[in-house]
mmCIF file of all heavy atoms, coordinates in Angstrom:
data_MODEL
# 
_entry.id   MODEL 
# 
loop_
_atom_site.group_PDB 
_atom_site.id 
_atom_site.type_symbol 
_atom_site.label_atom_id 
_atom_site.label_alt_id 
_atom_site.label_comp_id 
_atom_site.label_asym_id 
_atom_site.label_entity_id 
_atom_site.label_seq_id 
_atom_site.pdbx_PDB_ins_code 
_atom_site.Cartn_x 
_atom_site.Cartn_y 
_atom_site.Cartn_z 
_atom_site.occupancy 
_atom_site.B_iso_or_equiv 
_atom_site.pdbx_formal_charge 
_atom_site.auth_seq_id 
_atom_site.auth_comp_id 
_atom_site.auth_asym_id 
_atom_site.auth_atom_id 
_atom_site.pdbx_PDB_model_num 
ATOM 1   N N   . GLN A 1 1  ? -3.167 17.705 34.339 1.00 0.00 ? 1  GLN A N   1 
ATOM 2   C CA  . GLN A 1 1  ? -2.452 18.596 33.423 1.00 0.00 ? 1  GLN A CA  1 
ATOM 3   C C   . GLN A 1 1  ? -1.058 18.065 33.102 1.00 0.00 ? 1  GLN A C   1 
ATOM 4   O O   . GLN A 1 1  ? -0.594 18.169 31.969 1.00 0.00 ? 1  GLN A O   1 
ATOM 5   C CB  . GLN A 1 1  ? -2.378 20.007 34.017 1.00 0.00 ? 1  GLN A CB  1 
ATOM 6   C CG  . GLN A 1 1  ? -3.721 20.688 34.054 1.00 0.00 ? 1  GLN A CG  1 
ATOM 7   C CD  . GLN A 1 1  ? -3.695 22.019 34.788 1.00 0.00 ? 1  GLN A CD  1 
ATOM 8   O OE1 . GLN A 1 1  ? -2.667 22.441 35.305 1.00 0.00 ? 1  GLN A OE1 1 
ATOM 9   N NE2 . GLN A 1 1  ? -4.832 22.682 34.831 1.00 0.00 ? 1  GLN A NE2 1 
ATOM 10  N N   . ILE A 1 2  ? -0.392 17.476 34.079 1.00 0.00 ? 2  ILE A N   1 
ATOM 11  C CA  . ILE A 1 2  ? 0.910  16.860 33.828 1.00 0.00 ? 2  ILE A CA  1 
ATOM 12  C C   . ILE A 1 2  ? 0.751  15.720 32.823 1.00 0.00 ? 2  ILE A C   1 
ATOM 13  O O   . ILE A 1 2  ? 1.564  15.570 31.906 1.00 0.00 ? 2  ILE A O   1 
ATOM 14  C CB  . ILE A 1 2  ? 1.562  16.371 35.141 1.00 0.00 ? 2  ILE A CB  1 
ATOM 15  C CG1 . ILE A 1 2  ? 1.990  17.576 35.990 1.00 0.00 ? 2  ILE A CG1 1 
ATOM 16  C CG2 . ILE A 1 2  ? 2.750  15.450 34.860 1.00 0.00 ? 2  ILE A CG2 1 
ATOM 17  C CD1 . ILE A 1 2  ? 2.456  17.224 37.381 1.00 0.00 ? 2  ILE A CD1 1 
ATOM 18  N N   . ALA A 1 3  ? -0.299 14.924 32.984 1.00 0.00 ? 3  ALA A N   1 
ATOM 19  C CA  . ALA A 1 3  ? -0.560 13.824 32.038 1.00 0.00 ? 3  ALA A CA  1 
ATOM 20  C C   . ALA A 1 3  ? -0.740 14.367 30.629 1.00 0.00 ? 3  ALA A C   1 
ATOM 21  O O   . ALA A 1 3  ? -0.169 13.832 29.666 1.00 0.00 ? 3  ALA A O   1 
ATOM 22  C CB  . ALA A 1 3  ? -1.798 13.039 32.471 1.00 0.00 ? 3  ALA A CB  1 
ATOM 23  N N   . LEU A 1 4  ? -1.516 15.424 30.496 1.00 0.00 ? 4  LEU A N   1 
ATOM 24  C CA  . LEU A 1 4  ? -1.717 16.029 29.172 1.00 0.00 ? 4  LEU A CA  1 
ATOM 25  C C   . LEU A 1 4  ? -0.398 16.524 28.583 1.00 0.00 ? 4  LEU A C   1 
ATOM 26  O O   . LEU A 1 4  ? -0.127 16.324 27.396 1.00 0.00 ? 4  LEU A O   1 
ATOM 27  C CB  . LEU A 1 4  ? -2.711 17.191 29.263 1.00 0.00 ? 4  LEU A CB  1 
ATOM 28  C CG  . LEU A 1 4  ? -4.159 16.829 29.541 1.00 0.00 ? 4  LEU A CG  1 
ATOM 29  C CD1 . LEU A 1 4  ? -5.000 18.098 29.667 1.00 0.00 ? 4  LEU A CD1 1 
ATOM 30  C CD2 . LEU A 1 4  ? -4.714 15.924 28.464 1.00 0.00 ? 4  LEU A CD2 1 
ATOM 31  N N   . ILE A 1 5  ? 0.422  17.146 29.412 1.00 0.00 ? 5  ILE A N   1 
ATOM 32  C CA  . ILE A 1 5  ? 1.705  17.675 28.935 1.00 0.00 ? 5  ILE A CA  1 
ATOM 33  C C   . ILE A 1 5  ? 2.610  16.537 28.460 1.00 0.00 ? 5  ILE A C   1 
ATOM 34  O O   . ILE A 1 5  ? 3.174  16.595 27.367 1.00 0.00 ? 5  ILE A O   1 
ATOM 35  C CB  . ILE A 1 5  ? 2.399  18.513 30.031 1.00 0.00 ? 5  ILE A CB  1 
ATOM 36  C CG1 . ILE A 1 5  ? 1.637  19.821 30.244 1.00 0.00 ? 5  ILE A CG1 1 
ATOM 37  C CG2 . ILE A 1 5  ? 3.860  18.775 29.697 1.00 0.00 ? 5  ILE A CG2 1 
ATOM 38  C CD1 . ILE A 1 5  ? 2.060  20.588 31.487 1.00 0.00 ? 5  ILE A CD1 1 
ATOM 39  N N   . VAL A 1 6  ? 2.755  15.499 29.271 1.00 0.00 ? 6  VAL A N   1 
ATOM 40  C CA  . VAL A 1 6  ? 3.652  14.386 28.912 1.00 0.00 ? 6  VAL A CA  1 
ATOM 41  C C   . VAL A 1 6  ? 3.175  13.701 27.637 1.00 0.00 ? 6  VAL A C   1 
ATOM 42  O O   . VAL A 1 6  ? 3.979  13.435 26.729 1.00 0.00 ? 6  VAL A O   1 
ATOM 43  C CB  . VAL A 1 6  ? 3.760  13.372 30.072 1.00 0.00 ? 6  VAL A CB  1 
ATOM 44  C CG1 . VAL A 1 6  ? 4.473  12.111 29.636 1.00 0.00 ? 6  VAL A CG1 1 
ATOM 45  C CG2 . VAL A 1 6  ? 4.483  13.994 31.261 1.00 0.00 ? 6  VAL A CG2 1 
ATOM 46  N N   . LEU A 1 7  ? 1.893  13.420 27.552 1.00 0.00 ? 7  LEU A N   1 
ATOM 47  C CA  . LEU A 1 7  ? 1.375  12.745 26.360 1.00 0.00 ? 7  LEU A CA  1 
ATOM 48  C C   . LEU A 1 7  ? 1.460  13.650 25.130 1.00 0.00 ? 7  LEU A C   1 
ATOM 49  O O   . LEU A 1 7  ? 1.746  13.185 24.020 1.00 0.00 ? 7  LEU A O   1 
ATOM 50  C CB  . LEU A 1 7  ? -0.052 12.256 26.608 1.00 0.00 ? 7  LEU A CB  1 
ATOM 51  C CG  . LEU A 1 7  ? -0.168 11.176 27.697 1.00 0.00 ? 7  LEU A CG  1 
ATOM 52  C CD1 . LEU A 1 7  ? -1.624 10.864 27.998 1.00 0.00 ? 7  LEU A CD1 1 
ATOM 53  C CD2 . LEU A 1 7  ? 0.594  9.924  27.333 1.00 0.00 ? 7  LEU A CD2 1 
ATOM 54  N N   . PHE A 1 8  ? 1.262  14.942 25.319 1.00 0.00 ? 8  PHE A N   1 
ATOM 55  C CA  . PHE A 1 8  ? 1.420  15.897 24.223 1.00 0.00 ? 8  PHE A CA  1 
ATOM 56  C C   . PHE A 1 8  ? 2.877  15.956 23.762 1.00 0.00 ? 8  PHE A C   1 
ATOM 57  O O   . PHE A 1 8  ? 3.160  15.946 22.564 1.00 0.00 ? 8  PHE A O   1 
ATOM 58  C CB  . PHE A 1 8  ? 0.938  17.288 24.656 1.00 0.00 ? 8  PHE A CB  1 
ATOM 59  C CG  . PHE A 1 8  ? 1.209  18.362 23.648 1.00 0.00 ? 8  PHE A CG  1 
ATOM 60  C CD1 . PHE A 1 8  ? 0.437  18.474 22.503 1.00 0.00 ? 8  PHE A CD1 1 
ATOM 61  C CD2 . PHE A 1 8  ? 2.257  19.256 23.828 1.00 0.00 ? 8  PHE A CD2 1 
ATOM 62  C CE1 . PHE A 1 8  ? 0.694  19.465 21.557 1.00 0.00 ? 8  PHE A CE1 1 
ATOM 63  C CE2 . PHE A 1 8  ? 2.522  20.245 22.897 1.00 0.00 ? 8  PHE A CE2 1 
ATOM 64  C CZ  . PHE A 1 8  ? 1.739  20.346 21.756 1.00 0.00 ? 8  PHE A CZ  1 
ATOM 65  N N   . GLN A 1 9  ? 3.801  16.026 24.714 1.00 0.00 ? 9  GLN A N   1 
ATOM 66  C CA  . GLN A 1 9  ? 5.218  16.062 24.355 1.00 0.00 ? 9  GLN A CA  1 
ATOM 67  C C   . GLN A 1 9  ? 5.601  14.826 23.549 1.00 0.00 ? 9  GLN A C   1 
ATOM 68  O O   . GLN A 1 9  ? 6.295  14.932 22.535 1.00 0.00 ? 9  GLN A O   1 
ATOM 69  C CB  . GLN A 1 9  ? 6.092  16.141 25.620 1.00 0.00 ? 9  GLN A CB  1 
ATOM 70  C CG  . GLN A 1 9  ? 6.050  17.471 26.309 1.00 0.00 ? 9  GLN A CG  1 
ATOM 71  C CD  . GLN A 1 9  ? 6.784  17.456 27.628 1.00 0.00 ? 9  GLN A CD  1 
ATOM 72  O OE1 . GLN A 1 9  ? 6.877  16.430 28.296 1.00 0.00 ? 9  GLN A OE1 1 
ATOM 73  N NE2 . GLN A 1 9  ? 7.310  18.611 28.023 1.00 0.00 ? 9  GLN A NE2 1 
ATOM 74  N N   . ARG A 1 10 ? 5.145  13.674 23.983 1.00 0.00 ? 10 ARG A N   1 
ATOM 75  C CA  . ARG A 1 10 ? 5.453  12.430 23.264 1.00 0.00 ? 10 ARG A CA  1 
ATOM 76  C C   . ARG A 1 10 ? 4.876  12.470 21.853 1.00 0.00 ? 10 ARG A C   1 
ATOM 77  O O   . ARG A 1 10 ? 5.563  12.152 20.882 1.00 0.00 ? 10 ARG A O   1 
ATOM 78  C CB  . ARG A 1 10 ? 4.896  11.235 24.026 1.00 0.00 ? 10 ARG A CB  1 
ATOM 79  C CG  . ARG A 1 10 ? 5.161  9.909  23.333 1.00 0.00 ? 10 ARG A CG  1 
ATOM 80  C CD  . ARG A 1 10 ? 4.730  8.738  24.216 1.00 0.00 ? 10 ARG A CD  1 
ATOM 81  N NE  . ARG A 1 10 ? 5.039  7.492  23.558 1.00 0.00 ? 10 ARG A NE  1 
ATOM 82  C CZ  . ARG A 1 10 ? 4.179  6.789  22.839 1.00 0.00 ? 10 ARG A CZ  1 
ATOM 83  N NH1 . ARG A 1 10 ? 2.935  7.215  22.701 1.00 0.00 ? 10 ARG A NH1 1 
ATOM 84  N NH2 . ARG A 1 10 ? 4.539  5.663  22.270 1.00 0.00 ? 10 ARG A NH2 1 
ATOM 85  N N   . ALA A 1 11 ? 3.623  12.876 21.738 1.00 0.00 ? 11 ALA A N   1 
ATOM 86  C CA  . ALA A 1 11 ? 2.977  12.935 20.424 1.00 0.00 ? 11 ALA A CA  1 
ATOM 87  C C   . ALA A 1 11 ? 3.707  13.915 19.502 1.00 0.00 ? 11 ALA A C   1 
ATOM 88  O O   . ALA A 1 11 ? 3.926  13.611 18.318 1.00 0.00 ? 11 ALA A O   1 
ATOM 89  C CB  . ALA A 1 11 ? 1.511  13.337 20.575 1.00 0.00 ? 11 ALA A CB  1 
ATOM 90  N N   . MET A 1 12 ? 4.102  15.052 20.032 1.00 0.00 ? 12 MET A N   1 
ATOM 91  C CA  . MET A 1 12 ? 4.795  16.044 19.201 1.00 0.00 ? 12 MET A CA  1 
ATOM 92  C C   . MET A 1 12 ? 6.169  15.551 18.762 1.00 0.00 ? 12 MET A C   1 
ATOM 93  O O   . MET A 1 12 ? 6.560  15.732 17.601 1.00 0.00 ? 12 MET A O   1 
ATOM 94  C CB  . MET A 1 12 ? 4.915  17.378 19.940 1.00 0.00 ? 12 MET A CB  1 
ATOM 95  C CG  . MET A 1 12 ? 3.607  18.137 20.059 1.00 0.00 ? 12 MET A CG  1 
ATOM 96  S SD  . MET A 1 12 ? 2.864  18.510 18.452 1.00 0.00 ? 12 MET A SD  1 
ATOM 97  C CE  . MET A 1 12 ? 4.106  19.553 17.713 1.00 0.00 ? 12 MET A CE  1 
ATOM 98  N N   . LEU A 1 13 ? 6.905  14.937 19.666 1.00 0.00 ? 13 LEU A N   1 
ATOM 99  C CA  . LEU A 1 13 ? 8.224  14.428 19.294 1.00 0.00 ? 13 LEU A CA  1 
ATOM 100 C C   . LEU A 1 13 ? 8.110  13.333 18.230 1.00 0.00 ? 13 LEU A C   1 
ATOM 101 O O   . LEU A 1 13 ? 8.908  13.287 17.288 1.00 0.00 ? 13 LEU A O   1 
ATOM 102 C CB  . LEU A 1 13 ? 8.969  13.918 20.527 1.00 0.00 ? 13 LEU A CB  1 
ATOM 103 C CG  . LEU A 1 13 ? 9.453  15.002 21.486 1.00 0.00 ? 13 LEU A CG  1 
ATOM 104 C CD1 . LEU A 1 13 ? 9.983  14.392 22.776 1.00 0.00 ? 13 LEU A CD1 1 
ATOM 105 C CD2 . LEU A 1 13 ? 10.501 15.893 20.836 1.00 0.00 ? 13 LEU A CD2 1 
ATOM 106 N N   . LEU A 1 14 ? 7.105  12.471 18.367 1.00 0.00 ? 14 LEU A N   1 
ATOM 107 C CA  . LEU A 1 14 ? 6.890  11.434 17.349 1.00 0.00 ? 14 LEU A CA  1 
ATOM 108 C C   . LEU A 1 14 ? 6.498  12.059 16.014 1.00 0.00 ? 14 LEU A C   1 
ATOM 109 O O   . LEU A 1 14 ? 6.931  11.601 14.949 1.00 0.00 ? 14 LEU A O   1 
ATOM 110 C CB  . LEU A 1 14 ? 5.837  10.435 17.820 1.00 0.00 ? 14 LEU A CB  1 
ATOM 111 C CG  . LEU A 1 14 ? 6.255  9.551  18.994 1.00 0.00 ? 14 LEU A CG  1 
ATOM 112 C CD1 . LEU A 1 14 ? 5.071  8.722  19.488 1.00 0.00 ? 14 LEU A CD1 1 
ATOM 113 C CD2 . LEU A 1 14 ? 7.430  8.654  18.615 1.00 0.00 ? 14 LEU A CD2 1 
ATOM 114 N N   . LYS A 1 15 ? 5.709  13.120 16.067 1.00 0.00 ? 15 LYS A N   1 
ATOM 115 C CA  . LYS A 1 15 ? 5.311  13.821 14.837 1.00 0.00 ? 15 LYS A CA  1 
ATOM 116 C C   . LYS A 1 15 ? 6.517  14.494 14.184 1.00 0.00 ? 15 LYS A C   1 
ATOM 117 O O   . LYS A 1 15 ? 6.683  14.415 12.952 1.00 0.00 ? 15 LYS A O   1 
ATOM 118 C CB  . LYS A 1 15 ? 4.224  14.852 15.164 1.00 0.00 ? 15 LYS A CB  1 
ATOM 119 C CG  . LYS A 1 15 ? 3.807  15.724 13.991 1.00 0.00 ? 15 LYS A CG  1 
ATOM 120 C CD  . LYS A 1 15 ? 3.056  14.936 12.934 1.00 0.00 ? 15 LYS A CD  1 
ATOM 121 C CE  . LYS A 1 15 ? 2.469  15.862 11.906 1.00 0.00 ? 15 LYS A CE  1 
ATOM 122 N NZ  . LYS A 1 15 ? 2.893  15.561 10.559 1.00 0.00 ? 15 LYS A NZ  1 
ATOM 123 N N   . PHE A 1 16 ? 7.368  15.125 14.984 1.00 0.00 ? 16 PHE A N   1 
ATOM 124 C CA  . PHE A 1 16 ? 8.585  15.728 14.435 1.00 0.00 ? 16 PHE A CA  1 
ATOM 125 C C   . PHE A 1 16 ? 9.464  14.657 13.785 1.00 0.00 ? 16 PHE A C   1 
ATOM 126 O O   . PHE A 1 16 ? 10.007 14.867 12.699 1.00 0.00 ? 16 PHE A O   1 
ATOM 127 C CB  . PHE A 1 16 ? 9.384  16.470 15.512 1.00 0.00 ? 16 PHE A CB  1 
ATOM 128 C CG  . PHE A 1 16 ? 8.822  17.818 15.873 1.00 0.00 ? 16 PHE A CG  1 
ATOM 129 C CD1 . PHE A 1 16 ? 8.519  18.130 17.185 1.00 0.00 ? 16 PHE A CD1 1 
ATOM 130 C CD2 . PHE A 1 16 ? 8.611  18.789 14.906 1.00 0.00 ? 16 PHE A CD2 1 
ATOM 131 C CE1 . PHE A 1 16 ? 8.004  19.366 17.534 1.00 0.00 ? 16 PHE A CE1 1 
ATOM 132 C CE2 . PHE A 1 16 ? 8.100  20.039 15.239 1.00 0.00 ? 16 PHE A CE2 1 
ATOM 133 C CZ  . PHE A 1 16 ? 7.794  20.331 16.555 1.00 0.00 ? 16 PHE A CZ  1 
ATOM 134 N N   . ALA A 1 17 ? 9.603  13.508 14.443 1.00 0.00 ? 17 ALA A N   1 
ATOM 135 C CA  . ALA A 1 17 ? 10.426 12.422 13.895 1.00 0.00 ? 17 ALA A CA  1 
ATOM 136 C C   . ALA A 1 17 ? 9.854  11.951 12.556 1.00 0.00 ? 17 ALA A C   1 
ATOM 137 O O   . ALA A 1 17 ? 10.597 11.696 11.605 1.00 0.00 ? 17 ALA A O   1 
ATOM 138 C CB  . ALA A 1 17 ? 10.499 11.262 14.888 1.00 0.00 ? 17 ALA A CB  1 
ATOM 139 N N   . GLU A 1 18 ? 8.535  11.855 12.474 1.00 0.00 ? 18 GLU A N   1 
ATOM 140 C CA  . GLU A 1 18 ? 7.872  11.457 11.224 1.00 0.00 ? 18 GLU A CA  1 
ATOM 141 C C   . GLU A 1 18 ? 8.099  12.497 10.125 1.00 0.00 ? 18 GLU A C   1 
ATOM 142 O O   . GLU A 1 18 ? 8.403  12.145 8.979  1.00 0.00 ? 18 GLU A O   1 
ATOM 143 C CB  . GLU A 1 18 ? 6.376  11.282 11.483 1.00 0.00 ? 18 GLU A CB  1 
ATOM 144 C CG  . GLU A 1 18 ? 5.580  10.793 10.306 1.00 0.00 ? 18 GLU A CG  1 
ATOM 145 C CD  . GLU A 1 18 ? 4.117  10.660 10.668 1.00 0.00 ? 18 GLU A CD  1 
ATOM 146 O OE1 . GLU A 1 18 ? 3.807  9.944  11.638 1.00 0.00 ? 18 GLU A OE1 1 
ATOM 147 O OE2 . GLU A 1 18 ? 3.284  11.281 9.976  1.00 0.00 ? 18 GLU A OE2 1 
ATOM 148 N N   . ASP A 1 19 ? 7.977  13.768 10.462 1.00 0.00 ? 19 ASP A N   1 
ATOM 149 C CA  . ASP A 1 19 ? 8.200  14.840 9.492  1.00 0.00 ? 19 ASP A CA  1 
ATOM 150 C C   . ASP A 1 19 ? 9.643  14.844 8.991  1.00 0.00 ? 19 ASP A C   1 
ATOM 151 O O   . ASP A 1 19 ? 9.902  15.043 7.797  1.00 0.00 ? 19 ASP A O   1 
ATOM 152 C CB  . ASP A 1 19 ? 7.864  16.209 10.098 1.00 0.00 ? 19 ASP A CB  1 
ATOM 153 C CG  . ASP A 1 19 ? 6.368  16.390 10.349 1.00 0.00 ? 19 ASP A CG  1 
ATOM 154 O OD1 . ASP A 1 19 ? 5.570  15.582 9.839  1.00 0.00 ? 19 ASP A OD1 1 
ATOM 155 O OD2 . ASP A 1 19 ? 6.013  17.341 11.075 1.00 0.00 ? 19 ASP A OD2 1 
ATOM 156 N N   . ILE A 1 20 ? 10.585 14.618 9.894  1.00 0.00 ? 20 ILE A N   1 
ATOM 157 C CA  . ILE A 1 20 ? 11.992 14.555 9.516  1.00 0.00 ? 20 ILE A CA  1 
ATOM 158 C C   . ILE A 1 20 ? 12.223 13.389 8.564  1.00 0.00 ? 20 ILE A C   1 
ATOM 159 O O   . ILE A 1 20 ? 12.931 13.519 7.558  1.00 0.00 ? 20 ILE A O   1 
ATOM 160 C CB  . ILE A 1 20 ? 12.892 14.433 10.771 1.00 0.00 ? 20 ILE A CB  1 
ATOM 161 C CG1 . ILE A 1 20 ? 12.862 15.737 11.564 1.00 0.00 ? 20 ILE A CG1 1 
ATOM 162 C CG2 . ILE A 1 20 ? 14.320 14.059 10.393 1.00 0.00 ? 20 ILE A CG2 1 
ATOM 163 C CD1 . ILE A 1 20 ? 13.420 15.615 12.968 1.00 0.00 ? 20 ILE A CD1 1 
ATOM 164 N N   . ASP A 1 21 ? 11.607 12.267 8.873  1.00 0.00 ? 21 ASP A N   1 
ATOM 165 C CA  . ASP A 1 21 ? 11.743 11.085 8.017  1.00 0.00 ? 21 ASP A CA  1 
ATOM 166 C C   . ASP A 1 21 ? 11.225 11.371 6.608  1.00 0.00 ? 21 ASP A C   1 
ATOM 167 O O   . ASP A 1 21 ? 11.864 11.000 5.617  1.00 0.00 ? 21 ASP A O   1 
ATOM 168 C CB  . ASP A 1 21 ? 11.003 9.902  8.637  1.00 0.00 ? 21 ASP A CB  1 
ATOM 169 C CG  . ASP A 1 21 ? 11.233 8.623  7.876  1.00 0.00 ? 21 ASP A CG  1 
ATOM 170 O OD1 . ASP A 1 21 ? 12.404 8.304  7.584  1.00 0.00 ? 21 ASP A OD1 1 
ATOM 171 O OD2 . ASP A 1 21 ? 10.233 7.947  7.555  1.00 0.00 ? 21 ASP A OD2 1 
ATOM 172 N N   . GLU A 1 22 ? 10.091 12.030 6.505  1.00 0.00 ? 22 GLU A N   1 
ATOM 173 C CA  . GLU A 1 22 ? 9.528  12.374 5.191  1.00 0.00 ? 22 GLU A CA  1 
ATOM 174 C C   . GLU A 1 22 ? 10.459 13.294 4.408  1.00 0.00 ? 22 GLU A C   1 
ATOM 175 O O   . GLU A 1 22 ? 10.683 13.085 3.210  1.00 0.00 ? 22 GLU A O   1 
ATOM 176 C CB  . GLU A 1 22 ? 8.155  13.024 5.351  1.00 0.00 ? 22 GLU A CB  1 
ATOM 177 C CG  . GLU A 1 22 ? 7.062  12.065 5.726  1.00 0.00 ? 22 GLU A CG  1 
ATOM 178 C CD  . GLU A 1 22 ? 5.718  12.750 5.951  1.00 0.00 ? 22 GLU A CD  1 
ATOM 179 O OE1 . GLU A 1 22 ? 5.545  13.913 5.509  1.00 0.00 ? 22 GLU A OE1 1 
ATOM 180 O OE2 . GLU A 1 22 ? 4.851  12.129 6.576  1.00 0.00 ? 22 GLU A OE2 1 
ATOM 181 N N   . LEU A 1 23 ? 11.009 14.306 5.078  1.00 0.00 ? 23 LEU A N   1 
ATOM 182 C CA  . LEU A 1 23 ? 11.932 15.213 4.407  1.00 0.00 ? 23 LEU A CA  1 
ATOM 183 C C   . LEU A 1 23 ? 13.219 14.491 3.998  1.00 0.00 ? 23 LEU A C   1 
ATOM 184 O O   . LEU A 1 23 ? 13.755 14.724 2.910  1.00 0.00 ? 23 LEU A O   1 
ATOM 185 C CB  . LEU A 1 23 ? 12.260 16.416 5.289  1.00 0.00 ? 23 LEU A CB  1 
ATOM 186 C CG  . LEU A 1 23 ? 11.166 17.467 5.393  1.00 0.00 ? 23 LEU A CG  1 
ATOM 187 C CD1 . LEU A 1 23 ? 11.504 18.490 6.466  1.00 0.00 ? 23 LEU A CD1 1 
ATOM 188 C CD2 . LEU A 1 23 ? 10.953 18.163 4.060  1.00 0.00 ? 23 LEU A CD2 1 
ATOM 189 N N   . THR A 1 24 ? 13.698 13.610 4.863  1.00 0.00 ? 24 THR A N   1 
ATOM 190 C CA  . THR A 1 24 ? 14.906 12.855 4.556  1.00 0.00 ? 24 THR A CA  1 
ATOM 191 C C   . THR A 1 24 ? 14.693 11.961 3.339  1.00 0.00 ? 24 THR A C   1 
ATOM 192 O O   . THR A 1 24 ? 15.586 11.833 2.491  1.00 0.00 ? 24 THR A O   1 
ATOM 193 C CB  . THR A 1 24 ? 15.329 12.005 5.773  1.00 0.00 ? 24 THR A CB  1 
ATOM 194 O OG1 . THR A 1 24 ? 15.497 12.874 6.891  1.00 0.00 ? 24 THR A OG1 1 
ATOM 195 C CG2 . THR A 1 24 ? 16.628 11.267 5.510  1.00 0.00 ? 24 THR A CG2 1 
ATOM 196 N N   . GLN A 1 25 ? 13.521 11.371 3.224  1.00 0.00 ? 25 GLN A N   1 
ATOM 197 C CA  . GLN A 1 25 ? 13.222 10.538 2.064  1.00 0.00 ? 25 GLN A CA  1 
ATOM 198 C C   . GLN A 1 25 ? 13.250 11.356 0.777  1.00 0.00 ? 25 GLN A C   1 
ATOM 199 O O   . GLN A 1 25 ? 13.675 10.857 -0.268 1.00 0.00 ? 25 GLN A O   1 
ATOM 200 C CB  . GLN A 1 25 ? 11.880 9.840  2.237  1.00 0.00 ? 25 GLN A CB  1 
ATOM 201 C CG  . GLN A 1 25 ? 11.929 8.703  3.232  1.00 0.00 ? 25 GLN A CG  1 
ATOM 202 C CD  . GLN A 1 25 ? 10.571 8.047  3.433  1.00 0.00 ? 25 GLN A CD  1 
ATOM 203 O OE1 . GLN A 1 25 ? 9.643  8.279  2.685  1.00 0.00 ? 25 GLN A OE1 1 
ATOM 204 N NE2 . GLN A 1 25 ? 10.476 7.228  4.470  1.00 0.00 ? 25 GLN A NE2 1 
ATOM 205 N N   . CYS A 1 26 ? 12.815 12.586 0.840  1.00 0.00 ? 26 CYS A N   1 
ATOM 206 C CA  . CYS A 1 26 ? 12.875 13.460 -0.346 1.00 0.00 ? 26 CYS A CA  1 
ATOM 207 C C   . CYS A 1 26 ? 14.319 13.672 -0.780 1.00 0.00 ? 26 CYS A C   1 
ATOM 208 O O   . CYS A 1 26 ? 14.618 13.673 -1.976 1.00 0.00 ? 26 CYS A O   1 
ATOM 209 C CB  . CYS A 1 26 ? 12.209 14.806 -0.064 1.00 0.00 ? 26 CYS A CB  1 
ATOM 210 S SG  . CYS A 1 26 ? 10.422 14.726 0.121  1.00 0.00 ? 26 CYS A SG  1 
# 
């Protein structure tokens, strides 16, 4: 469960960074 949490946190933070980048480009 810790592994799932850590990998999920990483994936979500990378997704947020990608979303921010898309909005910034606009």
